[in-house]
Protein backbone atom coordinates (compact mmCIF):
# COMPACT_ATOMS: atom_id res chain seq x y z
CA MET A 1 -1.90 -10.14 -20.90
CA HIS A 2 0.02 -13.10 -19.59
CA PRO A 3 0.63 -13.23 -15.81
CA LEU A 4 4.40 -13.40 -16.39
CA VAL A 5 4.19 -10.06 -18.19
CA SER A 6 2.50 -8.63 -15.08
CA VAL A 7 5.36 -9.94 -12.94
CA TYR A 8 7.84 -8.36 -15.38
CA VAL A 9 6.09 -4.98 -15.09
CA ALA A 10 6.11 -5.15 -11.29
CA VAL A 11 9.82 -6.05 -11.16
CA LEU A 12 10.65 -3.33 -13.69
CA PHE A 13 8.75 -0.79 -11.57
CA VAL A 14 10.70 -1.74 -8.42
CA VAL A 15 14.06 -1.76 -10.22
CA LEU A 16 13.45 1.68 -11.75
CA THR A 17 12.30 3.23 -8.47
CA PRO A 18 14.59 6.20 -7.71
CA GLY A 19 17.54 5.09 -5.62
CA ILE A 20 17.24 1.34 -6.29
CA LEU A 21 19.22 0.96 -9.53
CA LEU A 22 19.84 4.56 -10.52
CA ARG A 23 18.84 8.12 -9.63
CA LEU A 24 18.37 10.62 -12.41
CA PRO A 25 19.13 13.51 -12.21
CA LYS A 26 21.55 13.42 -9.30
CA ASN A 27 20.76 16.06 -6.67
CA GLY A 28 17.49 16.88 -8.45
CA LYS A 29 14.27 17.96 -6.78
CA PRO A 30 12.05 15.02 -5.74
CA LEU A 31 9.35 15.89 -8.29
CA THR A 32 11.90 16.12 -11.11
CA VAL A 33 13.43 12.77 -10.13
CA ALA A 34 9.98 11.15 -10.03
CA VAL A 35 9.02 12.50 -13.46
CA VAL A 36 12.31 11.39 -15.03
CA HIS A 37 11.98 7.89 -13.57
CA GLY A 38 8.37 7.72 -14.75
CA VAL A 39 9.47 8.54 -18.29
CA VAL A 40 12.30 5.98 -18.11
CA PHE A 41 9.86 3.31 -16.85
CA ALA A 42 7.33 4.06 -19.60
CA THR A 43 10.04 4.04 -22.29
CA VAL A 44 11.59 0.75 -21.17
CA LEU A 45 8.14 -0.84 -20.84
CA TYR A 46 7.08 0.39 -24.28
CA PHE A 47 10.11 -1.09 -26.02
CA THR A 48 10.27 -4.40 -24.10
CA CYS A 49 6.68 -5.52 -23.49
CA LYS A 50 5.85 -6.72 -27.02
CA PRO A 51 9.15 -8.62 -27.47
CA LEU A 52 8.58 -10.27 -24.09
CA GLN A 53 5.06 -11.34 -25.11
CA LYS A 54 6.38 -12.69 -28.44
CA MET A 55 9.14 -14.57 -26.61
CA LEU A 56 6.55 -16.21 -24.33
CA ASP A 57 4.45 -17.12 -27.37
CA ASN A 58 7.47 -18.63 -29.17
CA MET A 59 8.35 -20.67 -26.09
CA GLY A 60 4.85 -22.11 -26.12
CA ILE A 61 3.87 -20.46 -22.85
CA THR A 62 0.22 -19.62 -23.29
CA GLU A 63 -2.45 -17.94 -21.23
CA PRO A 64 -3.46 -20.04 -18.22
CA ALA A 65 -6.65 -22.04 -18.73
CA GLY A 66 -9.79 -20.16 -17.88
CA MET A 67 -8.29 -16.68 -18.29
CA PRO A 68 -10.30 -14.57 -20.70
CA VAL A 69 -8.31 -13.32 -23.66
CA PRO A 70 -9.29 -9.73 -24.50
CA PRO A 71 -10.18 -9.04 -28.10
CA TYR A 72 -7.64 -6.96 -29.98
CA THR A 73 -9.18 -3.81 -31.31
CA VAL A 74 -7.72 -0.88 -33.18
CA LEU A 75 -8.69 2.49 -31.82
């Protein structure tokens, strides 16, 4: 994974922390709010990570030199 993708994940995590950008559900119990925000984070990450990686590849931004590239395997 490219280091910029890691930065994207960290920023996304902070932005989707309850109370920063939004709070779902309003007046919900803390556990319920945490679970909902976890699901929102996972959903946004799932649908945006691959396009972000493809965009970096199309821009010619490659893995930094010396970083091992993990082999892609199908489970």
